[in-house]
């Protein structure tokens, strides 16, 4: 009983990070593995709360990552509408240190870039920025060209990144308090910037 009280007290003192996952499978597996490592490294200082868009929920199941996410991050919040769960409000009043959206579909990137707040994660990003909360976004479509991604069965799949999608990324990068990540490995730097890692 005493240990439970101590644990709860410690958890109350932790900083909170919102991690949003959209409906992109590109580098999703790598991102989940890196976030699991980060959670372990910063377990004494940070609570990472996972939010899935409606499409993100489907893709996580498609890649068979749902159990891994739940086992490592606890309860997973899934989008019902743009304000449910009420992530946007919590971000705007400073309940989170920052919002990370990784991976982010071209649809999500375009909506945030053009101010459309009709989905959970787009609304959260826009409301968070109004409250001076940093937003880190890892677009699945980073620059124009051909990319090769992996399907759930391990096969390679070639995709064309359109110039229109790349332009939305550039527009996001020019916005105040929005930071664009090109690779999952850059997420380590984000946490290093905001928190101190657990001592070995």
N, C-alpha and C. Protein backbone atom coordinates (compact mmCIF):
# COMPACT_ATOMS: atom_id res chain seq x y z
N UNK A 1 0.83 -1.21 0.00
CA UNK A 1 0.00 0.00 0.00
C UNK A 1 0.87 1.26 0.00
N UNK A 2 1.89 1.27 0.85
CA UNK A 2 2.79 2.42 0.94
C UNK A 2 3.54 2.60 -0.37
N UNK A 3 4.01 1.47 -0.95
CA UNK A 3 4.74 1.52 -2.21
C UNK A 3 3.86 2.06 -3.33
N UNK A 4 2.57 1.69 -3.32
CA UNK A 4 1.63 2.17 -4.33
C UNK A 4 1.47 3.69 -4.21
N UNK A 5 1.41 4.19 -3.00
CA UNK A 5 1.27 5.62 -2.77
C UNK A 5 2.51 6.37 -3.25
N UNK A 6 3.69 5.79 -3.00
CA UNK A 6 4.94 6.40 -3.44
C UNK A 6 5.00 6.43 -4.96
N UNK A 7 4.59 5.33 -5.59
CA UNK A 7 4.60 5.25 -7.05
C UNK A 7 3.67 6.29 -7.66
N UNK A 8 2.46 6.42 -7.10
CA UNK A 8 1.51 7.41 -7.61
C UNK A 8 2.03 8.83 -7.45
N UNK A 9 2.71 9.08 -6.31
CA UNK A 9 3.27 10.41 -6.07
C UNK A 9 4.34 10.74 -7.10
N UNK A 10 5.19 9.74 -7.40
CA UNK A 10 6.23 9.94 -8.41
C UNK A 10 5.62 10.21 -9.78
N UNK A 11 4.56 9.45 -10.12
CA UNK A 11 3.92 9.62 -11.41
C UNK A 11 3.31 11.01 -11.55
N UNK A 12 2.79 11.54 -10.44
CA UNK A 12 2.20 12.88 -10.48
C UNK A 12 3.26 13.93 -10.80
N UNK A 13 4.50 13.68 -10.41
CA UNK A 13 5.57 14.64 -10.65
C UNK A 13 6.17 14.55 -12.04
N UNK A 14 5.74 13.60 -12.82
CA UNK A 14 6.31 13.42 -14.16
C UNK A 14 5.77 14.45 -15.15
N UNK A 15 6.61 14.78 -16.12
CA UNK A 15 6.18 15.58 -17.27
C UNK A 15 5.39 14.66 -18.19
N UNK A 16 4.57 15.25 -19.05
CA UNK A 16 3.75 14.45 -19.96
C UNK A 16 4.01 14.84 -21.41
N UNK A 17 4.04 13.81 -22.26
CA UNK A 17 4.21 14.01 -23.69
C UNK A 17 3.07 13.30 -24.40
N UNK A 18 2.48 13.97 -25.39
CA UNK A 18 1.43 13.34 -26.20
C UNK A 18 2.06 12.87 -27.50
N UNK A 19 1.91 11.57 -27.76
CA UNK A 19 2.42 10.99 -29.00
C UNK A 19 1.24 10.57 -29.87
N UNK A 20 1.10 11.20 -31.01
CA UNK A 20 0.01 10.90 -31.93
C UNK A 20 0.48 10.04 -33.09
N UNK A 21 -0.29 9.03 -33.42
CA UNK A 21 0.01 8.14 -34.55
C UNK A 21 -1.14 8.24 -35.55
N UNK A 22 -0.81 8.55 -36.80
CA UNK A 22 -1.82 8.66 -37.84
C UNK A 22 -1.83 7.37 -38.68
N UNK A 23 -2.51 7.42 -39.81
CA UNK A 23 -2.70 6.21 -40.60
C UNK A 23 -1.60 5.88 -41.59
N UNK A 24 -0.37 6.18 -41.26
CA UNK A 24 0.76 5.84 -42.13
C UNK A 24 1.54 4.67 -41.55
N UNK A 25 1.78 3.67 -42.39
CA UNK A 25 2.59 2.54 -41.95
C UNK A 25 4.07 2.74 -42.20
N UNK A 26 4.42 3.80 -42.96
CA UNK A 26 5.81 4.05 -43.30
C UNK A 26 6.63 4.36 -42.05
N UNK A 27 7.61 3.54 -41.75
CA UNK A 27 8.53 3.67 -40.60
C UNK A 27 7.79 3.59 -39.25
N UNK A 28 6.59 3.07 -39.28
CA UNK A 28 5.81 2.94 -38.05
C UNK A 28 6.47 1.96 -37.08
N UNK A 29 6.91 0.82 -37.59
CA UNK A 29 7.54 -0.18 -36.72
C UNK A 29 8.79 0.39 -36.07
N UNK A 30 9.63 1.08 -36.85
CA UNK A 30 10.85 1.69 -36.31
C UNK A 30 10.52 2.75 -35.27
N UNK A 31 9.49 3.53 -35.54
CA UNK A 31 9.08 4.58 -34.60
C UNK A 31 8.63 3.99 -33.27
N UNK A 32 7.84 2.93 -33.33
CA UNK A 32 7.37 2.28 -32.10
C UNK A 32 8.54 1.74 -31.30
N UNK A 33 9.50 1.12 -31.97
CA UNK A 33 10.67 0.57 -31.26
C UNK A 33 11.48 1.67 -30.59
N UNK A 34 11.66 2.76 -31.28
CA UNK A 34 12.41 3.89 -30.71
C UNK A 34 11.66 4.50 -29.53
N UNK A 35 10.35 4.63 -29.65
CA UNK A 35 9.56 5.20 -28.55
C UNK A 35 9.58 4.28 -27.32
N UNK A 36 9.64 2.98 -27.54
CA UNK A 36 9.76 2.05 -26.41
C UNK A 36 11.10 2.25 -25.69
N UNK A 37 12.16 2.45 -26.45
CA UNK A 37 13.47 2.71 -25.86
C UNK A 37 13.48 4.03 -25.10
N UNK A 38 12.85 5.05 -25.69
CA UNK A 38 12.79 6.36 -25.04
C UNK A 38 11.99 6.28 -23.75
N UNK A 39 10.89 5.55 -23.76
CA UNK A 39 10.09 5.40 -22.55
C UNK A 39 10.92 4.79 -21.42
N UNK A 40 11.72 3.79 -21.75
CA UNK A 40 12.57 3.15 -20.75
C UNK A 40 13.64 4.12 -20.25
N UNK A 41 14.22 4.86 -21.16
CA UNK A 41 15.29 5.78 -20.82
C UNK A 41 14.82 6.93 -19.93
N UNK A 42 13.60 7.40 -20.16
CA UNK A 42 13.09 8.56 -19.43
C UNK A 42 11.95 8.19 -18.47
N UNK A 43 11.92 6.94 -18.03
CA UNK A 43 10.78 6.45 -17.26
C UNK A 43 10.57 7.18 -15.94
N UNK A 44 11.62 7.74 -15.37
CA UNK A 44 11.48 8.43 -14.09
C UNK A 44 10.98 9.87 -14.24
N UNK A 45 11.03 10.38 -15.44
CA UNK A 45 10.73 11.80 -15.64
C UNK A 45 9.54 12.08 -16.55
N UNK A 46 9.19 11.12 -17.42
CA UNK A 46 8.22 11.40 -18.47
C UNK A 46 7.16 10.32 -18.58
N UNK A 47 5.91 10.75 -18.75
CA UNK A 47 4.82 9.86 -19.12
C UNK A 47 4.48 10.12 -20.57
N UNK A 48 4.54 9.08 -21.41
CA UNK A 48 4.19 9.21 -22.82
C UNK A 48 2.78 8.66 -23.01
N UNK A 49 1.87 9.53 -23.43
CA UNK A 49 0.47 9.16 -23.64
C UNK A 49 0.23 9.01 -25.14
N UNK A 50 -0.27 7.85 -25.55
CA UNK A 50 -0.45 7.55 -26.97
C UNK A 50 -1.87 7.86 -27.42
N UNK A 51 -1.96 8.59 -28.53
CA UNK A 51 -3.25 8.93 -29.15
C UNK A 51 -3.24 8.44 -30.59
N UNK A 52 -4.25 7.70 -30.97
CA UNK A 52 -4.36 7.19 -32.33
C UNK A 52 -5.49 7.90 -33.08
N UNK A 53 -5.20 8.33 -34.30
CA UNK A 53 -6.29 8.79 -35.16
C UNK A 53 -7.13 7.56 -35.54
N UNK A 54 -8.28 7.79 -36.14
CA UNK A 54 -9.12 6.65 -36.55
C UNK A 54 -8.36 5.75 -37.51
N UNK A 55 -7.67 6.37 -38.48
CA UNK A 55 -6.88 5.58 -39.43
C UNK A 55 -5.67 4.97 -38.75
N UNK A 56 -5.10 5.70 -37.79
CA UNK A 56 -3.96 5.18 -37.05
C UNK A 56 -4.30 3.92 -36.29
N UNK A 57 -5.49 3.87 -35.75
CA UNK A 57 -5.96 2.68 -35.03
C UNK A 57 -5.99 1.47 -35.97
N UNK A 58 -6.47 1.67 -37.18
CA UNK A 58 -6.53 0.59 -38.17
C UNK A 58 -5.14 0.13 -38.58
N UNK A 59 -4.25 1.09 -38.82
CA UNK A 59 -2.91 0.75 -39.29
C UNK A 59 -2.10 0.05 -38.20
N UNK A 60 -2.24 0.50 -36.96
CA UNK A 60 -1.56 -0.16 -35.84
C UNK A 60 -1.97 -1.63 -35.75
N UNK A 61 -3.25 -1.89 -35.93
CA UNK A 61 -3.74 -3.27 -35.92
C UNK A 61 -3.25 -4.04 -37.13
N UNK A 62 -3.21 -3.39 -38.27
CA UNK A 62 -2.75 -4.01 -39.52
C UNK A 62 -1.29 -4.46 -39.40
N UNK A 63 -0.49 -3.65 -38.71
CA UNK A 63 0.93 -3.98 -38.50
C UNK A 63 1.14 -4.81 -37.24
N UNK A 64 0.04 -5.20 -36.59
CA UNK A 64 0.09 -6.04 -35.38
C UNK A 64 0.93 -5.42 -34.28
N UNK A 65 0.71 -4.11 -34.04
CA UNK A 65 1.45 -3.37 -33.03
C UNK A 65 0.59 -2.97 -31.83
N UNK A 66 -0.69 -3.29 -31.89
CA UNK A 66 -1.61 -2.84 -30.84
C UNK A 66 -1.21 -3.39 -29.47
N UNK A 67 -0.90 -4.67 -29.39
CA UNK A 67 -0.52 -5.28 -28.11
C UNK A 67 0.79 -4.71 -27.59
N UNK A 68 1.73 -4.45 -28.49
CA UNK A 68 3.02 -3.88 -28.10
C UNK A 68 2.84 -2.48 -27.52
N UNK A 69 2.01 -1.68 -28.17
CA UNK A 69 1.76 -0.32 -27.68
C UNK A 69 1.09 -0.35 -26.30
N UNK A 70 0.06 -1.17 -26.19
CA UNK A 70 -0.67 -1.26 -24.92
C UNK A 70 0.22 -1.80 -23.81
N UNK A 71 1.04 -2.80 -24.13
CA UNK A 71 1.91 -3.40 -23.13
C UNK A 71 2.99 -2.46 -22.64
N UNK A 72 3.42 -1.55 -23.48
CA UNK A 72 4.51 -0.64 -23.11
C UNK A 72 4.04 0.74 -22.65
N UNK A 73 2.88 1.18 -23.15
CA UNK A 73 2.43 2.53 -22.85
C UNK A 73 1.10 2.58 -22.10
N UNK A 74 0.56 1.43 -21.77
CA UNK A 74 -0.70 1.41 -21.04
C UNK A 74 -1.88 1.71 -21.94
N UNK A 75 -2.88 2.36 -21.38
CA UNK A 75 -4.10 2.65 -22.13
C UNK A 75 -3.81 3.51 -23.36
N UNK A 76 -4.36 3.11 -24.48
CA UNK A 76 -4.21 3.85 -25.73
C UNK A 76 -5.50 4.62 -26.02
N UNK A 77 -5.39 5.92 -26.27
CA UNK A 77 -6.57 6.74 -26.56
C UNK A 77 -6.81 6.76 -28.07
N UNK A 78 -8.03 6.46 -28.49
CA UNK A 78 -8.36 6.40 -29.90
C UNK A 78 -9.37 7.51 -30.24
N UNK A 79 -9.14 8.15 -31.36
CA UNK A 79 -10.00 9.25 -31.80
C UNK A 79 -11.46 8.83 -31.95
N UNK A 80 -12.34 9.65 -31.39
CA UNK A 80 -13.78 9.53 -31.63
C UNK A 80 -14.22 10.67 -32.54
N UNK A 81 -13.79 11.89 -32.17
CA UNK A 81 -13.99 13.04 -33.05
C UNK A 81 -12.87 14.04 -32.76
N UNK A 82 -12.96 15.23 -33.32
CA UNK A 82 -11.87 16.21 -33.21
C UNK A 82 -11.59 16.64 -31.77
N UNK A 83 -12.58 16.51 -30.89
CA UNK A 83 -12.40 16.92 -29.50
C UNK A 83 -12.51 15.78 -28.50
N UNK A 84 -12.58 14.56 -28.99
CA UNK A 84 -12.71 13.41 -28.10
C UNK A 84 -11.75 12.31 -28.55
N UNK A 85 -10.80 11.96 -27.66
CA UNK A 85 -10.50 12.50 -26.33
C UNK A 85 -10.11 13.99 -26.41
N UNK A 86 -10.19 14.67 -25.27
CA UNK A 86 -10.01 16.13 -25.26
C UNK A 86 -8.53 16.51 -25.20
N UNK A 87 -7.76 16.04 -26.16
CA UNK A 87 -6.33 16.32 -26.22
C UNK A 87 -6.06 17.79 -26.50
N UNK A 88 -6.82 18.38 -27.40
CA UNK A 88 -6.59 19.78 -27.79
C UNK A 88 -6.64 20.72 -26.59
N UNK A 89 -7.66 20.54 -25.75
CA UNK A 89 -7.80 21.39 -24.57
C UNK A 89 -6.66 21.21 -23.59
N UNK A 90 -6.23 19.96 -23.40
CA UNK A 90 -5.14 19.70 -22.47
C UNK A 90 -3.82 20.31 -22.96
N UNK A 91 -3.61 20.25 -24.27
CA UNK A 91 -2.41 20.86 -24.83
C UNK A 91 -2.43 22.37 -24.67
N UNK A 92 -3.57 22.96 -24.96
CA UNK A 92 -3.66 24.41 -24.95
C UNK A 92 -3.42 25.00 -23.56
N UNK A 93 -3.77 24.26 -22.51
CA UNK A 93 -3.56 24.77 -21.15
C UNK A 93 -2.27 24.25 -20.53
N UNK A 94 -1.41 23.64 -21.34
CA UNK A 94 -0.08 23.29 -20.87
C UNK A 94 0.05 22.00 -20.09
N UNK A 95 -0.87 21.06 -20.29
CA UNK A 95 -0.78 19.78 -19.58
C UNK A 95 0.27 18.85 -20.17
N UNK A 96 0.77 19.19 -21.37
CA UNK A 96 1.81 18.40 -22.03
C UNK A 96 3.00 19.28 -22.36
N UNK A 97 4.20 18.69 -22.31
CA UNK A 97 5.42 19.43 -22.68
C UNK A 97 5.45 19.69 -24.18
N UNK A 98 5.05 18.71 -24.95
CA UNK A 98 4.98 18.88 -26.40
C UNK A 98 4.11 17.80 -27.01
N UNK A 99 3.76 18.00 -28.28
CA UNK A 99 3.02 17.02 -29.06
C UNK A 99 3.94 16.47 -30.14
N UNK A 100 4.02 15.15 -30.21
CA UNK A 100 4.77 14.48 -31.26
C UNK A 100 3.79 13.72 -32.14
N UNK A 101 3.81 13.97 -33.45
CA UNK A 101 2.98 13.20 -34.38
C UNK A 101 3.93 12.44 -35.29
N UNK A 102 4.01 11.14 -35.08
CA UNK A 102 4.97 10.32 -35.83
C UNK A 102 4.48 8.88 -35.92
N UNK A 103 4.31 8.39 -37.13
CA UNK A 103 4.40 9.12 -38.40
C UNK A 103 3.14 9.93 -38.68
N UNK A 104 3.28 10.92 -39.55
CA UNK A 104 2.15 11.78 -39.93
C UNK A 104 1.86 11.61 -41.41
N UNK A 105 0.63 11.28 -41.74
CA UNK A 105 0.25 11.12 -43.15
C UNK A 105 0.29 12.46 -43.88
N UNK A 106 0.30 12.39 -45.21
CA UNK A 106 0.25 13.61 -46.01
C UNK A 106 -1.05 14.36 -45.77
N UNK A 107 -2.12 13.64 -45.47
CA UNK A 107 -3.41 14.25 -45.18
C UNK A 107 -3.34 15.09 -43.90
N UNK A 108 -2.74 14.50 -42.86
CA UNK A 108 -2.58 15.23 -41.59
C UNK A 108 -1.70 16.45 -41.77
N UNK A 109 -0.59 16.29 -42.48
CA UNK A 109 0.33 17.41 -42.73
C UNK A 109 -0.37 18.54 -43.47
N UNK A 110 -1.12 18.19 -44.51
CA UNK A 110 -1.82 19.21 -45.31
C UNK A 110 -2.85 19.96 -44.47
N UNK A 111 -3.57 19.22 -43.64
CA UNK A 111 -4.61 19.86 -42.82
C UNK A 111 -4.00 20.82 -41.79
N UNK A 112 -2.94 20.41 -41.13
CA UNK A 112 -2.31 21.30 -40.16
C UNK A 112 -1.73 22.52 -40.86
N UNK A 113 -1.10 22.30 -42.02
CA UNK A 113 -0.48 23.39 -42.77
C UNK A 113 -1.51 24.43 -43.22
N UNK A 114 -2.74 23.97 -43.48
CA UNK A 114 -3.78 24.88 -43.97
C UNK A 114 -4.79 25.26 -42.88
N UNK A 115 -4.52 24.86 -41.64
CA UNK A 115 -5.37 25.27 -40.52
C UNK A 115 -6.66 24.51 -40.36
N UNK A 116 -6.77 23.33 -40.94
CA UNK A 116 -7.98 22.52 -40.79
C UNK A 116 -7.89 21.68 -39.52
N UNK A 117 -8.87 21.85 -38.63
CA UNK A 117 -8.83 21.19 -37.32
C UNK A 117 -9.97 20.21 -37.15
N UNK A 118 -10.25 19.41 -38.18
CA UNK A 118 -11.43 18.55 -38.13
C UNK A 118 -11.13 17.11 -37.70
N UNK A 119 -9.90 16.82 -37.28
CA UNK A 119 -9.57 15.51 -36.73
C UNK A 119 -8.87 15.70 -35.39
N UNK A 120 -8.77 14.64 -34.62
CA UNK A 120 -8.18 14.73 -33.28
C UNK A 120 -6.79 15.32 -33.29
N UNK A 121 -5.89 14.76 -34.11
CA UNK A 121 -4.49 15.19 -34.07
C UNK A 121 -4.26 16.53 -34.76
N UNK A 122 -5.02 16.82 -35.81
CA UNK A 122 -4.91 18.14 -36.44
C UNK A 122 -5.40 19.23 -35.49
N UNK A 123 -6.52 18.99 -34.85
CA UNK A 123 -7.05 19.94 -33.88
C UNK A 123 -6.09 20.12 -32.71
N UNK A 124 -5.51 19.01 -32.25
CA UNK A 124 -4.57 19.07 -31.14
C UNK A 124 -3.35 19.91 -31.50
N UNK A 125 -2.83 19.70 -32.71
CA UNK A 125 -1.65 20.46 -33.14
C UNK A 125 -1.95 21.95 -33.22
N UNK A 126 -3.06 22.30 -33.84
CA UNK A 126 -3.41 23.71 -34.02
C UNK A 126 -3.70 24.39 -32.69
N UNK A 127 -4.46 23.71 -31.80
CA UNK A 127 -4.76 24.29 -30.49
C UNK A 127 -3.50 24.36 -29.62
N UNK A 128 -2.64 23.34 -29.72
CA UNK A 128 -1.39 23.36 -28.97
C UNK A 128 -0.52 24.53 -29.37
N UNK A 129 -0.42 24.79 -30.66
CA UNK A 129 0.39 25.91 -31.14
C UNK A 129 -0.16 27.24 -30.64
N UNK A 130 -1.47 27.34 -30.55
CA UNK A 130 -2.07 28.57 -30.00
C UNK A 130 -1.68 28.77 -28.54
N UNK A 131 -1.42 27.65 -27.84
CA UNK A 131 -1.02 27.72 -26.45
C UNK A 131 0.49 27.67 -26.26
N UNK A 132 1.25 27.94 -27.34
CA UNK A 132 2.72 27.99 -27.31
C UNK A 132 3.35 26.65 -26.94
N UNK A 133 2.71 25.55 -27.33
CA UNK A 133 3.24 24.21 -27.09
C UNK A 133 3.96 23.74 -28.35
N UNK A 134 5.21 23.30 -28.25
CA UNK A 134 5.93 22.83 -29.44
C UNK A 134 5.26 21.59 -30.04
N UNK A 135 5.27 21.53 -31.37
CA UNK A 135 4.71 20.39 -32.09
C UNK A 135 5.79 19.82 -33.00
N UNK A 136 6.08 18.54 -32.80
CA UNK A 136 7.08 17.85 -33.62
C UNK A 136 6.35 16.88 -34.55
N UNK A 137 6.64 16.96 -35.83
CA UNK A 137 5.93 16.16 -36.82
C UNK A 137 6.92 15.42 -37.71
N UNK A 138 6.71 14.11 -37.86
CA UNK A 138 7.52 13.31 -38.77
C UNK A 138 6.64 12.89 -39.95
N UNK A 139 6.70 13.64 -41.06
CA UNK A 139 5.84 13.33 -42.20
C UNK A 139 6.26 12.04 -42.89
N UNK A 140 5.27 11.30 -43.35
CA UNK A 140 5.58 10.10 -44.14
C UNK A 140 6.05 10.50 -45.54
N UNK A 141 5.57 11.65 -46.02
CA UNK A 141 5.95 12.15 -47.34
C UNK A 141 6.80 13.40 -47.15
N UNK A 142 8.10 13.20 -47.01
CA UNK A 142 9.00 14.30 -46.61
C UNK A 142 9.43 15.16 -47.78
N UNK A 143 9.91 14.52 -48.84
CA UNK A 143 10.34 15.28 -50.02
C UNK A 143 9.95 14.55 -51.30
N UNK A 144 9.84 15.33 -52.39
CA UNK A 144 9.42 14.78 -53.67
C UNK A 144 10.40 13.69 -54.13
N UNK A 145 9.84 12.60 -54.67
CA UNK A 145 10.69 11.53 -55.18
C UNK A 145 10.07 10.16 -54.95
N UNK A 146 10.88 9.15 -55.07
CA UNK A 146 10.45 7.76 -54.88
C UNK A 146 11.02 7.24 -53.57
N UNK A 147 10.17 6.62 -52.76
CA UNK A 147 10.63 6.01 -51.51
C UNK A 147 10.20 4.54 -51.49
N UNK A 148 10.92 3.78 -50.71
CA UNK A 148 10.58 2.37 -50.53
C UNK A 148 10.24 2.14 -49.07
N UNK A 149 9.05 1.64 -48.82
CA UNK A 149 8.60 1.36 -47.46
C UNK A 149 8.33 -0.13 -47.31
N UNK A 150 8.14 -0.58 -46.08
CA UNK A 150 7.89 -2.00 -45.84
C UNK A 150 6.43 -2.25 -45.49
N UNK A 151 5.87 -3.27 -46.07
CA UNK A 151 4.51 -3.71 -45.75
C UNK A 151 4.55 -4.60 -44.51
N UNK A 152 3.39 -4.85 -43.89
CA UNK A 152 3.36 -5.70 -42.69
C UNK A 152 3.96 -7.09 -42.91
N UNK A 153 3.91 -7.59 -44.15
CA UNK A 153 4.46 -8.92 -44.43
C UNK A 153 5.97 -8.89 -44.71
N UNK A 154 6.57 -7.70 -44.58
CA UNK A 154 8.01 -7.57 -44.77
C UNK A 154 8.44 -7.22 -46.17
N UNK A 155 7.52 -7.26 -47.12
CA UNK A 155 7.85 -6.94 -48.50
C UNK A 155 8.06 -5.44 -48.69
N UNK A 156 8.97 -5.08 -49.60
CA UNK A 156 9.20 -3.69 -49.94
C UNK A 156 8.08 -3.19 -50.85
N UNK A 157 7.75 -1.91 -50.68
CA UNK A 157 6.68 -1.31 -51.48
C UNK A 157 7.13 0.08 -51.91
N UNK A 158 7.12 0.33 -53.22
CA UNK A 158 7.60 1.60 -53.77
C UNK A 158 6.45 2.61 -53.86
N UNK A 159 6.73 3.85 -53.41
CA UNK A 159 5.72 4.91 -53.43
C UNK A 159 6.29 6.17 -54.06
N UNK A 160 5.41 6.95 -54.69
CA UNK A 160 5.80 8.25 -55.24
C UNK A 160 5.35 9.35 -54.29
N UNK A 161 6.29 10.19 -53.88
CA UNK A 161 5.96 11.37 -53.06
C UNK A 161 5.74 12.55 -54.00
N UNK A 162 4.56 13.12 -53.96
CA UNK A 162 4.21 14.20 -54.88
C UNK A 162 4.80 15.54 -54.43
N UNK A 163 5.01 16.41 -55.38
CA UNK A 163 5.53 17.75 -55.08
C UNK A 163 4.56 18.51 -54.17
N UNK A 164 3.24 18.28 -54.39
CA UNK A 164 2.22 18.98 -53.57
C UNK A 164 2.36 18.62 -52.10
N UNK A 165 2.62 17.34 -51.82
CA UNK A 165 2.78 16.90 -50.43
C UNK A 165 4.05 17.49 -49.81
N UNK A 166 5.12 17.51 -50.58
CA UNK A 166 6.38 18.07 -50.09
C UNK A 166 6.23 19.56 -49.78
N UNK A 167 5.41 20.27 -50.56
CA UNK A 167 5.19 21.70 -50.32
C UNK A 167 4.50 21.94 -48.98
N UNK A 168 3.58 21.06 -48.61
CA UNK A 168 2.91 21.20 -47.31
C UNK A 168 3.90 21.02 -46.17
N UNK A 169 4.86 20.12 -46.35
CA UNK A 169 5.90 19.92 -45.33
C UNK A 169 6.72 21.20 -45.16
N UNK A 170 7.09 21.82 -46.28
CA UNK A 170 7.86 23.07 -46.22
C UNK A 170 7.07 24.18 -45.54
N UNK A 171 5.76 24.20 -45.81
CA UNK A 171 4.90 25.22 -45.18
C UNK A 171 4.85 25.00 -43.67
N UNK A 172 4.75 23.74 -43.24
CA UNK A 172 4.76 23.42 -41.81
C UNK A 172 6.08 23.84 -41.17
N UNK A 173 7.18 23.55 -41.86
CA UNK A 173 8.50 23.85 -41.32
C UNK A 173 8.70 25.35 -41.07
N UNK A 174 7.96 26.17 -41.80
CA UNK A 174 8.08 27.62 -41.65
C UNK A 174 7.20 28.17 -40.53
N UNK A 175 6.35 27.32 -39.95
CA UNK A 175 5.45 27.78 -38.90
C UNK A 175 6.17 27.84 -37.54
N UNK A 176 5.80 28.82 -36.75
CA UNK A 176 6.42 28.99 -35.42
C UNK A 176 6.07 27.81 -34.50
N UNK A 177 7.08 27.29 -33.82
CA UNK A 177 6.95 26.20 -32.86
C UNK A 177 6.60 24.85 -33.49
N UNK A 178 6.72 24.74 -34.82
CA UNK A 178 6.57 23.44 -35.49
C UNK A 178 7.95 22.98 -35.92
N UNK A 179 8.28 21.74 -35.58
CA UNK A 179 9.60 21.19 -35.89
C UNK A 179 9.40 19.90 -36.69
N UNK A 180 10.04 19.83 -37.85
CA UNK A 180 9.88 18.69 -38.74
C UNK A 180 11.01 17.69 -38.52
N UNK A 181 10.65 16.42 -38.38
CA UNK A 181 11.61 15.34 -38.22
C UNK A 181 11.62 14.51 -39.50
N UNK A 182 12.80 14.19 -39.99
CA UNK A 182 12.89 13.39 -41.21
C UNK A 182 12.91 11.90 -40.93
N UNK A 183 13.51 11.51 -39.80
CA UNK A 183 13.65 10.08 -39.48
C UNK A 183 13.22 9.81 -38.04
N UNK A 184 12.85 8.56 -37.74
CA UNK A 184 12.49 8.22 -36.36
C UNK A 184 13.63 8.45 -35.37
N UNK A 185 14.87 8.29 -35.82
CA UNK A 185 16.03 8.47 -34.93
C UNK A 185 16.12 9.89 -34.38
N UNK A 186 15.57 10.86 -35.08
CA UNK A 186 15.61 12.25 -34.62
C UNK A 186 14.74 12.47 -33.38
N UNK A 187 13.86 11.53 -33.10
CA UNK A 187 13.01 11.65 -31.90
C UNK A 187 13.87 11.61 -30.64
N UNK A 188 14.98 10.88 -30.67
CA UNK A 188 15.88 10.86 -29.52
C UNK A 188 16.32 12.28 -29.17
N UNK A 189 16.66 13.08 -30.17
CA UNK A 189 17.13 14.44 -29.95
C UNK A 189 16.04 15.32 -29.33
N UNK A 190 14.80 15.07 -29.72
CA UNK A 190 13.68 15.84 -29.16
C UNK A 190 13.60 15.64 -27.65
N UNK A 191 13.69 14.38 -27.22
CA UNK A 191 13.61 14.11 -25.78
C UNK A 191 14.85 14.60 -25.05
N UNK A 192 16.01 14.51 -25.68
CA UNK A 192 17.22 15.04 -25.07
C UNK A 192 17.11 16.55 -24.86
N UNK A 193 16.46 17.20 -25.78
CA UNK A 193 16.27 18.66 -25.70
C UNK A 193 15.38 19.05 -24.52
N UNK A 194 14.36 18.23 -24.25
CA UNK A 194 13.36 18.59 -23.24
C UNK A 194 13.59 17.96 -21.86
N UNK A 195 14.27 16.79 -21.81
CA UNK A 195 14.36 16.05 -20.55
C UNK A 195 15.77 15.51 -20.35
N UNK A 196 16.02 15.10 -19.13
CA UNK A 196 17.28 14.42 -18.84
C UNK A 196 17.03 12.93 -18.81
N UNK A 197 17.91 12.11 -19.43
CA UNK A 197 17.69 10.65 -19.42
C UNK A 197 17.96 10.04 -18.06
N UNK A 198 17.43 8.84 -17.85
CA UNK A 198 17.68 8.10 -16.62
C UNK A 198 19.16 7.77 -16.53
N UNK A 199 19.75 7.97 -15.35
CA UNK A 199 21.16 7.65 -15.16
C UNK A 199 21.37 6.15 -15.17
N UNK A 200 22.49 5.72 -15.78
CA UNK A 200 22.79 4.31 -15.89
C UNK A 200 23.22 3.74 -14.54
